Amino acid sequence: MMPTKGYATIGLKPSVLTKLQNCTDEHYPGMFLPSALIMMMNEIKRGQYSVETHNMKLDLSGGYVSLTIRLDVRTWLRENYEIYKEEYMKKYRSRNFTQFAGIFMMNMFESKSRTSRYIIKLKESDFLWLEEEFKKRKEDYKMRFGITEFDKFADIFIKEIFEKLNMAKKVLTMD
């Protein structure tokens, strides 16, 4: 479905909407919630992370307030509702699409938060060091892995470093 085909309205409990807006401010400063949902839907579709279920208690009291979102986002939420309806009924006691949508969106943000904890942030000096390592090890990595691009080298090289760190941790914590 084309994104420009229209908009839809979904109902959310006030406390859920407030939490979603706070999460939006944390992950996408200055952006409105509907725009953040578009970006997150696309990130999830591209496989940058997946929506996991998390332990959370939500206040589902009060009336519903409406949130206008793009129709393709609502369609995507509806598709996920059909897939995860039973699981969400058991875990969160959600009784309908509206409750599911609020909980699912909270899980989207929580999954994004957990994923971002595993992102490595490099300073410029670290990046320059990584480029130097690439130059030193370029031929070796080309022969061992068939890698000639810097980004693929960086992925494997950093993964190897973490594997060595984990191995060292295991050796140092043995009783």
N, C-alpha and C. Protein backbone atom coordinates (compact mmCIF):
# COMPACT_ATOMS: atom_id res chain seq x y z
N MET A 1 0.84 -1.17 0.00
CA MET A 1 0.00 0.00 0.00
C MET A 1 0.89 1.24 0.00
N MET A 2 0.54 2.21 -0.78
CA MET A 2 1.32 3.45 -0.86
C MET A 2 1.10 4.30 0.38
N PRO A 3 2.17 4.86 0.92
CA PRO A 3 2.04 5.65 2.14
C PRO A 3 1.16 6.88 1.97
N THR A 4 1.03 7.40 0.77
CA THR A 4 0.27 8.63 0.56
C THR A 4 -1.21 8.37 0.40
N LYS A 5 -1.67 7.15 0.60
CA LYS A 5 -3.07 6.82 0.39
C LYS A 5 -3.98 7.29 1.51
N GLY A 6 -3.45 7.74 2.63
CA GLY A 6 -4.33 8.25 3.65
C GLY A 6 -3.83 8.03 5.06
N TYR A 7 -4.72 8.36 5.96
CA TYR A 7 -4.41 8.30 7.37
C TYR A 7 -5.48 7.52 8.10
N ALA A 8 -5.15 7.06 9.28
CA ALA A 8 -6.09 6.33 10.11
C ALA A 8 -5.93 6.81 11.54
N THR A 9 -6.94 6.58 12.33
CA THR A 9 -6.90 6.96 13.73
C THR A 9 -6.97 5.70 14.58
N ILE A 10 -6.12 5.66 15.60
CA ILE A 10 -6.20 4.57 16.57
C ILE A 10 -6.41 5.18 17.94
N GLY A 11 -7.02 4.41 18.81
CA GLY A 11 -7.25 4.87 20.17
C GLY A 11 -6.18 4.35 21.09
N LEU A 12 -5.73 5.20 22.01
CA LEU A 12 -4.74 4.81 23.01
C LEU A 12 -5.18 5.36 24.36
N LYS A 13 -4.84 4.64 25.40
CA LYS A 13 -5.09 5.14 26.75
C LYS A 13 -4.12 6.29 27.01
N PRO A 14 -4.56 7.31 27.78
CA PRO A 14 -3.70 8.49 28.01
C PRO A 14 -2.31 8.16 28.55
N SER A 15 -2.22 7.23 29.49
CA SER A 15 -0.90 6.91 30.06
C SER A 15 0.01 6.25 29.02
N VAL A 16 -0.57 5.44 28.14
CA VAL A 16 0.21 4.79 27.08
C VAL A 16 0.71 5.84 26.09
N LEU A 17 -0.17 6.75 25.71
CA LEU A 17 0.23 7.81 24.78
C LEU A 17 1.35 8.66 25.38
N THR A 18 1.25 8.99 26.66
CA THR A 18 2.30 9.78 27.32
C THR A 18 3.63 9.04 27.30
N LYS A 19 3.60 7.73 27.62
CA LYS A 19 4.83 6.94 27.59
C LYS A 19 5.41 6.88 26.18
N LEU A 20 4.56 6.70 25.19
CA LEU A 20 5.03 6.65 23.80
C LEU A 20 5.66 7.98 23.38
N GLN A 21 5.06 9.08 23.80
CA GLN A 21 5.63 10.39 23.47
C GLN A 21 6.98 10.59 24.16
N ASN A 22 7.09 10.13 25.41
CA ASN A 22 8.38 10.23 26.11
C ASN A 22 9.45 9.38 25.43
N CYS A 23 9.06 8.19 24.99
CA CYS A 23 10.01 7.32 24.27
C CYS A 23 10.43 7.96 22.95
N THR A 24 9.48 8.60 22.29
CA THR A 24 9.79 9.29 21.03
C THR A 24 10.81 10.38 21.28
N ASP A 25 10.61 11.15 22.33
CA ASP A 25 11.56 12.22 22.67
C ASP A 25 12.95 11.67 22.96
N GLU A 26 13.01 10.48 23.55
CA GLU A 26 14.29 9.86 23.87
C GLU A 26 15.02 9.38 22.62
N HIS A 27 14.30 8.72 21.73
CA HIS A 27 14.92 8.10 20.55
C HIS A 27 14.96 9.01 19.33
N TYR A 28 13.99 9.88 19.20
CA TYR A 28 13.88 10.76 18.04
C TYR A 28 13.56 12.18 18.52
N PRO A 29 14.53 12.86 19.14
CA PRO A 29 14.26 14.19 19.71
C PRO A 29 13.70 15.15 18.66
N GLY A 30 12.63 15.83 19.05
CA GLY A 30 12.02 16.82 18.17
C GLY A 30 11.05 16.24 17.15
N MET A 31 10.85 14.95 17.16
CA MET A 31 9.97 14.32 16.18
C MET A 31 8.64 13.98 16.83
N PHE A 32 7.59 14.00 16.03
CA PHE A 32 6.28 13.62 16.52
C PHE A 32 6.14 12.10 16.51
N LEU A 33 5.34 11.58 17.41
CA LEU A 33 5.14 10.14 17.54
C LEU A 33 4.74 9.47 16.21
N PRO A 34 3.78 10.01 15.46
CA PRO A 34 3.42 9.32 14.20
C PRO A 34 4.60 9.18 13.23
N SER A 35 5.47 10.18 13.19
CA SER A 35 6.65 10.10 12.32
C SER A 35 7.63 9.07 12.85
N ALA A 36 7.79 9.01 14.17
CA ALA A 36 8.68 8.01 14.76
C ALA A 36 8.18 6.60 14.46
N LEU A 37 6.86 6.42 14.49
CA LEU A 37 6.30 5.10 14.18
C LEU A 37 6.59 4.68 12.75
N ILE A 38 6.56 5.63 11.83
CA ILE A 38 6.89 5.34 10.43
C ILE A 38 8.34 4.87 10.34
N MET A 39 9.23 5.60 11.00
CA MET A 39 10.65 5.24 10.96
C MET A 39 10.90 3.88 11.59
N MET A 40 10.26 3.63 12.74
CA MET A 40 10.47 2.36 13.43
C MET A 40 9.91 1.20 12.62
N MET A 41 8.75 1.39 12.02
CA MET A 41 8.18 0.33 11.19
C MET A 41 9.16 -0.03 10.08
N ASN A 42 9.74 0.98 9.45
CA ASN A 42 10.69 0.72 8.37
C ASN A 42 11.98 0.08 8.88
N GLU A 43 12.45 0.48 10.05
CA GLU A 43 13.64 -0.14 10.64
C GLU A 43 13.38 -1.62 10.93
N ILE A 44 12.21 -1.92 11.45
CA ILE A 44 11.85 -3.31 11.77
C ILE A 44 11.71 -4.12 10.49
N LYS A 45 11.08 -3.54 9.48
CA LYS A 45 10.92 -4.24 8.20
C LYS A 45 12.27 -4.52 7.55
N ARG A 46 13.24 -3.62 7.75
CA ARG A 46 14.59 -3.82 7.20
C ARG A 46 15.41 -4.78 8.04
N GLY A 47 14.88 -5.20 9.18
CA GLY A 47 15.57 -6.17 10.01
C GLY A 47 16.60 -5.57 10.95
N GLN A 48 16.54 -4.27 11.21
CA GLN A 48 17.51 -3.65 12.12
C GLN A 48 17.32 -4.15 13.54
N TYR A 49 16.12 -4.50 13.89
CA TYR A 49 15.79 -5.14 15.16
C TYR A 49 14.41 -5.74 15.02
N SER A 50 14.05 -6.58 15.99
CA SER A 50 12.72 -7.18 15.95
C SER A 50 11.99 -6.80 17.23
N VAL A 51 10.69 -6.87 17.19
CA VAL A 51 9.88 -6.50 18.34
C VAL A 51 9.75 -7.72 19.25
N GLU A 52 10.34 -7.62 20.42
CA GLU A 52 10.28 -8.68 21.42
C GLU A 52 9.23 -8.29 22.46
N THR A 53 8.71 -9.26 23.19
CA THR A 53 7.80 -8.93 24.28
C THR A 53 8.63 -8.67 25.54
N HIS A 54 8.26 -7.66 26.27
CA HIS A 54 8.98 -7.26 27.48
C HIS A 54 8.01 -7.23 28.65
N ASN A 55 8.52 -7.43 29.83
CA ASN A 55 7.68 -7.34 31.02
C ASN A 55 7.40 -5.88 31.29
N MET A 56 6.13 -5.53 31.28
CA MET A 56 5.75 -4.15 31.56
C MET A 56 4.35 -4.12 32.13
N LYS A 57 4.12 -3.16 32.93
CA LYS A 57 2.79 -2.92 33.49
C LYS A 57 2.32 -1.58 32.94
N LEU A 58 1.20 -1.60 32.28
CA LEU A 58 0.66 -0.37 31.71
C LEU A 58 -0.65 -0.02 32.40
N ASP A 59 -0.85 1.25 32.60
CA ASP A 59 -2.10 1.73 33.15
C ASP A 59 -3.09 1.86 32.00
N LEU A 60 -4.06 0.97 31.96
CA LEU A 60 -5.04 0.98 30.88
C LEU A 60 -6.36 1.59 31.35
N SER A 61 -6.29 2.44 32.36
CA SER A 61 -7.50 3.09 32.85
C SER A 61 -7.76 4.36 32.04
N GLY A 62 -8.95 4.87 32.21
CA GLY A 62 -9.32 6.11 31.55
C GLY A 62 -9.87 5.87 30.16
N GLY A 63 -10.38 6.93 29.59
CA GLY A 63 -10.92 6.85 28.24
C GLY A 63 -9.82 6.79 27.21
N TYR A 64 -10.22 6.64 25.99
CA TYR A 64 -9.25 6.59 24.91
C TYR A 64 -9.06 7.98 24.32
N VAL A 65 -7.84 8.25 23.91
CA VAL A 65 -7.54 9.44 23.12
C VAL A 65 -7.12 8.94 21.75
N SER A 66 -7.32 9.76 20.74
CA SER A 66 -7.01 9.29 19.39
C SER A 66 -5.66 9.79 18.92
N LEU A 67 -5.03 8.96 18.13
CA LEU A 67 -3.75 9.29 17.52
C LEU A 67 -3.89 9.04 16.03
N THR A 68 -3.58 10.03 15.23
CA THR A 68 -3.66 9.89 13.79
C THR A 68 -2.31 9.44 13.26
N ILE A 69 -2.33 8.33 12.55
CA ILE A 69 -1.11 7.77 11.97
C ILE A 69 -1.35 7.49 10.50
N ARG A 70 -0.28 7.24 9.78
CA ARG A 70 -0.43 6.89 8.37
C ARG A 70 -1.14 5.55 8.25
N LEU A 71 -1.89 5.40 7.21
CA LEU A 71 -2.67 4.18 6.99
C LEU A 71 -1.78 2.95 6.86
N ASP A 72 -0.60 3.09 6.24
CA ASP A 72 0.28 1.93 6.10
C ASP A 72 0.82 1.47 7.46
N VAL A 73 1.01 2.38 8.40
CA VAL A 73 1.44 2.00 9.75
C VAL A 73 0.31 1.25 10.44
N ARG A 74 -0.91 1.74 10.31
CA ARG A 74 -2.05 1.06 10.94
C ARG A 74 -2.23 -0.33 10.32
N THR A 75 -2.07 -0.43 9.01
CA THR A 75 -2.19 -1.73 8.34
C THR A 75 -1.13 -2.69 8.87
N TRP A 76 0.09 -2.19 9.03
CA TRP A 76 1.19 -3.01 9.55
C TRP A 76 0.91 -3.44 10.99
N LEU A 77 0.38 -2.53 11.80
CA LEU A 77 0.01 -2.88 13.17
C LEU A 77 -1.08 -3.96 13.17
N ARG A 78 -2.04 -3.81 12.27
CA ARG A 78 -3.14 -4.78 12.17
C ARG A 78 -2.60 -6.15 11.76
N GLU A 79 -1.64 -6.18 10.83
CA GLU A 79 -1.03 -7.45 10.41
C GLU A 79 -0.32 -8.11 11.60
N ASN A 80 0.39 -7.32 12.39
CA ASN A 80 1.07 -7.85 13.57
C ASN A 80 0.06 -8.32 14.61
N TYR A 81 -1.07 -7.64 14.70
CA TYR A 81 -2.12 -8.07 15.61
C TYR A 81 -2.60 -9.46 15.25
N GLU A 82 -2.79 -9.71 13.98
CA GLU A 82 -3.25 -11.04 13.56
C GLU A 82 -2.20 -12.11 13.88
N ILE A 83 -0.94 -11.75 13.76
CA ILE A 83 0.15 -12.71 14.03
C ILE A 83 0.31 -12.96 15.53
N TYR A 84 0.29 -11.91 16.34
CA TYR A 84 0.65 -12.01 17.75
C TYR A 84 -0.54 -11.91 18.71
N LYS A 85 -1.74 -11.93 18.21
CA LYS A 85 -2.94 -11.75 19.02
C LYS A 85 -2.97 -12.70 20.22
N GLU A 86 -2.78 -13.97 19.98
CA GLU A 86 -2.85 -14.97 21.06
C GLU A 86 -1.76 -14.74 22.11
N GLU A 87 -0.55 -14.51 21.64
CA GLU A 87 0.57 -14.29 22.56
C GLU A 87 0.33 -13.08 23.46
N TYR A 88 -0.18 -12.00 22.89
CA TYR A 88 -0.43 -10.78 23.65
C TYR A 88 -1.63 -10.95 24.58
N MET A 89 -2.60 -11.76 24.18
CA MET A 89 -3.73 -12.03 25.08
C MET A 89 -3.25 -12.75 26.33
N LYS A 90 -2.36 -13.73 26.14
CA LYS A 90 -1.85 -14.50 27.27
C LYS A 90 -0.94 -13.66 28.16
N LYS A 91 0.01 -12.97 27.56
CA LYS A 91 1.02 -12.26 28.34
C LYS A 91 0.50 -10.95 28.94
N TYR A 92 -0.28 -10.19 28.17
CA TYR A 92 -0.70 -8.86 28.62
C TYR A 92 -2.21 -8.74 28.87
N ARG A 93 -2.93 -9.81 28.59
CA ARG A 93 -4.39 -9.81 28.71
C ARG A 93 -5.03 -8.74 27.83
N SER A 94 -4.44 -8.51 26.67
CA SER A 94 -5.04 -7.55 25.73
C SER A 94 -6.28 -8.20 25.12
N ARG A 95 -7.33 -7.43 25.04
CA ARG A 95 -8.61 -7.98 24.59
C ARG A 95 -9.00 -7.54 23.19
N ASN A 96 -8.29 -6.58 22.63
CA ASN A 96 -8.69 -6.08 21.32
C ASN A 96 -7.50 -5.42 20.61
N PHE A 97 -7.73 -5.01 19.38
CA PHE A 97 -6.67 -4.40 18.58
C PHE A 97 -6.12 -3.13 19.24
N THR A 98 -6.99 -2.33 19.81
CA THR A 98 -6.56 -1.06 20.40
C THR A 98 -5.57 -1.30 21.55
N GLN A 99 -5.89 -2.23 22.44
CA GLN A 99 -4.96 -2.54 23.53
C GLN A 99 -3.68 -3.14 22.98
N PHE A 100 -3.81 -4.04 22.02
CA PHE A 100 -2.62 -4.64 21.39
C PHE A 100 -1.72 -3.56 20.80
N ALA A 101 -2.30 -2.62 20.06
CA ALA A 101 -1.51 -1.59 19.38
C ALA A 101 -0.67 -0.79 20.37
N GLY A 102 -1.28 -0.39 21.50
CA GLY A 102 -0.53 0.37 22.50
C GLY A 102 0.62 -0.43 23.09
N ILE A 103 0.34 -1.68 23.44
CA ILE A 103 1.36 -2.54 24.04
C ILE A 103 2.45 -2.87 23.00
N PHE A 104 2.05 -3.15 21.79
CA PHE A 104 3.01 -3.48 20.73
C PHE A 104 3.94 -2.29 20.47
N MET A 105 3.38 -1.08 20.44
CA MET A 105 4.22 0.10 20.22
C MET A 105 5.18 0.31 21.38
N MET A 106 4.74 0.04 22.61
CA MET A 106 5.65 0.13 23.76
C MET A 106 6.77 -0.90 23.61
N ASN A 107 6.42 -2.10 23.16
CA ASN A 107 7.44 -3.13 22.93
C ASN A 107 8.39 -2.74 21.81
N MET A 108 7.89 -2.01 20.80
CA MET A 108 8.76 -1.52 19.72
C MET A 108 9.85 -0.63 20.31
N PHE A 109 9.44 0.32 21.14
CA PHE A 109 10.41 1.25 21.73
C PHE A 109 11.37 0.53 22.68
N GLU A 110 10.86 -0.40 23.48
CA GLU A 110 11.72 -1.14 24.41
C GLU A 110 12.72 -1.99 23.63
N SER A 111 12.28 -2.62 22.54
CA SER A 111 13.18 -3.42 21.72
C SER A 111 14.25 -2.54 21.08
N LYS A 112 13.85 -1.36 20.65
CA LYS A 112 14.82 -0.42 20.07
C LYS A 112 15.83 0.01 21.13
N SER A 113 15.37 0.25 22.34
CA SER A 113 16.27 0.64 23.43
C SER A 113 17.28 -0.46 23.72
N ARG A 114 16.80 -1.68 23.81
CA ARG A 114 17.70 -2.80 24.10
C ARG A 114 18.70 -3.01 22.98
N THR A 115 18.26 -2.84 21.75
CA THR A 115 19.16 -3.00 20.61
C THR A 115 20.23 -1.91 20.63
N SER A 116 19.84 -0.68 20.95
CA SER A 116 20.81 0.42 20.92
C SER A 116 21.86 0.29 22.02
N ARG A 117 21.58 -0.53 23.03
CA ARG A 117 22.60 -0.76 24.07
C ARG A 117 23.79 -1.52 23.53
N TYR A 118 23.59 -2.21 22.42
CA TYR A 118 24.66 -3.03 21.85
C TYR A 118 25.37 -2.35 20.68
N ILE A 119 25.11 -1.08 20.49
CA ILE A 119 25.76 -0.34 19.43
C ILE A 119 27.09 0.19 19.95
N ILE A 120 28.11 0.04 19.17
CA ILE A 120 29.43 0.54 19.55
C ILE A 120 29.59 1.95 19.00
N LYS A 121 29.91 2.86 19.88
CA LYS A 121 30.12 4.24 19.46
C LYS A 121 31.62 4.51 19.45
N LEU A 122 32.12 4.89 18.29
CA LEU A 122 33.55 5.12 18.15
C LEU A 122 33.84 6.61 18.09
N LYS A 123 34.91 7.01 18.78
CA LYS A 123 35.41 8.37 18.64
C LYS A 123 36.22 8.41 17.35
N GLU A 124 36.52 9.58 16.88
CA GLU A 124 37.28 9.72 15.64
C GLU A 124 38.63 9.01 15.74
N SER A 125 39.27 9.11 16.89
CA SER A 125 40.58 8.46 17.06
C SER A 125 40.46 6.94 16.98
N ASP A 126 39.36 6.39 17.50
CA ASP A 126 39.13 4.94 17.39
C ASP A 126 38.92 4.54 15.94
N PHE A 127 38.20 5.39 15.23
CA PHE A 127 37.92 5.11 13.83
C PHE A 127 39.21 5.14 13.01
N LEU A 128 40.07 6.10 13.31
CA LEU A 128 41.35 6.19 12.60
C LEU A 128 42.19 4.96 12.90
N TRP A 129 42.18 4.48 14.15
CA TRP A 129 42.89 3.26 14.52
C TRP A 129 42.34 2.07 13.73
N LEU A 130 41.03 2.00 13.59
CA LEU A 130 40.41 0.91 12.86
C LEU A 130 40.81 0.95 11.38
N GLU A 131 40.91 2.14 10.82
CA GLU A 131 41.37 2.27 9.43
C GLU A 131 42.82 1.80 9.28
N GLU A 132 43.65 2.11 10.28
CA GLU A 132 45.05 1.64 10.25
C GLU A 132 45.11 0.11 10.32
N GLU A 133 44.28 -0.47 11.17
CA GLU A 133 44.22 -1.93 11.28
C GLU A 133 43.76 -2.54 9.96
N PHE A 134 42.83 -1.88 9.30
CA PHE A 134 42.35 -2.36 8.00
C PHE A 134 43.49 -2.39 6.99
N LYS A 135 44.29 -1.33 6.97
CA LYS A 135 45.42 -1.29 6.04
C LYS A 135 46.42 -2.41 6.34
N LYS A 136 46.69 -2.63 7.65
CA LYS A 136 47.64 -3.67 8.05
C LYS A 136 47.15 -5.08 7.70
N ARG A 137 45.86 -5.31 7.88
CA ARG A 137 45.32 -6.66 7.78
C ARG A 137 44.52 -6.92 6.49
N LYS A 138 44.56 -5.97 5.58
CA LYS A 138 43.75 -6.05 4.37
C LYS A 138 43.99 -7.35 3.59
N GLU A 139 45.24 -7.68 3.35
CA GLU A 139 45.55 -8.88 2.56
C GLU A 139 45.15 -10.15 3.30
N ASP A 140 45.42 -10.20 4.61
CA ASP A 140 45.05 -11.37 5.42
C ASP A 140 43.54 -11.59 5.39
N TYR A 141 42.77 -10.53 5.56
CA TYR A 141 41.30 -10.66 5.58
C TYR A 141 40.75 -10.97 4.19
N LYS A 142 41.45 -10.50 3.18
CA LYS A 142 41.03 -10.82 1.81
C LYS A 142 41.20 -12.33 1.57
N MET A 143 42.32 -12.90 2.04
CA MET A 143 42.56 -14.33 1.85
C MET A 143 41.66 -15.16 2.75
N ARG A 144 41.52 -14.77 4.03
CA ARG A 144 40.75 -15.58 4.99
C ARG A 144 39.24 -15.48 4.79
N PHE A 145 38.74 -14.28 4.49
CA PHE A 145 37.29 -14.07 4.45
C PHE A 145 36.78 -13.55 3.10
N GLY A 146 37.70 -13.24 2.19
CA GLY A 146 37.28 -12.67 0.91
C GLY A 146 36.74 -11.25 1.05
N ILE A 147 37.24 -10.55 2.05
CA ILE A 147 36.74 -9.20 2.36
C ILE A 147 37.71 -8.14 1.85
N THR A 148 37.17 -7.20 1.10
CA THR A 148 37.99 -6.09 0.63
C THR A 148 37.42 -4.73 1.05
N GLU A 149 36.19 -4.72 1.59
CA GLU A 149 35.56 -3.46 1.98
C GLU A 149 35.80 -3.19 3.46
N PHE A 150 35.99 -1.91 3.78
CA PHE A 150 36.28 -1.50 5.14
C PHE A 150 35.17 -1.86 6.11
N ASP A 151 33.89 -1.60 5.74
CA ASP A 151 32.79 -1.84 6.67
C ASP A 151 32.67 -3.31 7.05
N LYS A 152 32.89 -4.21 6.11
CA LYS A 152 32.81 -5.64 6.41
C LYS A 152 34.01 -6.07 7.27
N PHE A 153 35.18 -5.49 6.97
CA PHE A 153 36.35 -5.75 7.81
C PHE A 153 36.07 -5.32 9.24
N ALA A 154 35.53 -4.11 9.41
CA ALA A 154 35.27 -3.58 10.75
C ALA A 154 34.32 -4.50 11.52
N ASP A 155 33.27 -4.99 10.86
CA ASP A 155 32.33 -5.89 11.52
C ASP A 155 33.03 -7.14 12.05
N ILE A 156 33.81 -7.77 11.20
CA ILE A 156 34.48 -9.02 11.60
C ILE A 156 35.58 -8.75 12.62
N PHE A 157 36.36 -7.71 12.41
CA PHE A 157 37.46 -7.39 13.31
C PHE A 157 36.94 -7.08 14.72
N ILE A 158 35.91 -6.28 14.82
CA ILE A 158 35.35 -5.93 16.13
C ILE A 158 34.70 -7.16 16.76
N LYS A 159 34.05 -7.99 15.96
CA LYS A 159 33.47 -9.23 16.48
C LYS A 159 34.57 -10.12 17.07
N GLU A 160 35.70 -10.21 16.37
CA GLU A 160 36.82 -11.01 16.88
C GLU A 160 37.34 -10.46 18.21
N ILE A 161 37.39 -9.15 18.31
CA ILE A 161 37.84 -8.52 19.57
C ILE A 161 36.89 -8.90 20.70
N PHE A 162 35.60 -8.82 20.45
CA PHE A 162 34.62 -9.17 21.49
C PHE A 162 34.69 -10.65 21.85
N GLU A 163 34.92 -11.49 20.87
CA GLU A 163 35.06 -12.92 21.17
C GLU A 163 36.27 -13.16 22.07
N LYS A 164 37.36 -12.46 21.80
CA LYS A 164 38.56 -12.60 22.64
C LYS A 164 38.30 -12.06 24.05
N LEU A 165 37.57 -10.95 24.14
CA LEU A 165 37.23 -10.39 25.45
C LEU A 165 36.36 -11.37 26.24
N ASN A 166 35.39 -11.96 25.58
CA ASN A 166 34.52 -12.93 26.26
C ASN A 166 35.30 -14.16 26.72
N MET A 167 36.23 -14.61 25.88
CA MET A 167 37.05 -15.76 26.24
C MET A 167 37.92 -15.40 27.46
N ALA A 168 38.50 -14.22 27.46
CA ALA A 168 39.33 -13.78 28.59
C ALA A 168 38.48 -13.67 29.85
N LYS A 169 37.25 -13.17 29.72
CA LYS A 169 36.36 -13.07 30.87
C LYS A 169 36.08 -14.44 31.47
N LYS A 170 35.84 -15.41 30.60
CA LYS A 170 35.58 -16.78 31.07
C LYS A 170 36.78 -17.35 31.81
N VAL A 171 37.97 -17.14 31.26
CA VAL A 171 39.18 -17.66 31.89
C VAL A 171 39.42 -16.97 33.23
N LEU A 172 39.22 -15.67 33.28
CA LEU A 172 39.48 -14.93 34.52
C LEU A 172 38.44 -15.18 35.61
N THR A 173 37.26 -15.63 35.24
CA THR A 173 36.21 -15.86 36.26
C THR A 173 36.06 -17.33 36.61
N MET A 174 36.93 -18.17 36.10
CA MET A 174 36.84 -19.59 36.45
C MET A 174 37.20 -19.78 37.91
N ASP A 175 36.45 -20.63 38.60
CA ASP A 175 36.72 -20.89 40.03
C ASP A 175 37.69 -22.01 40.22
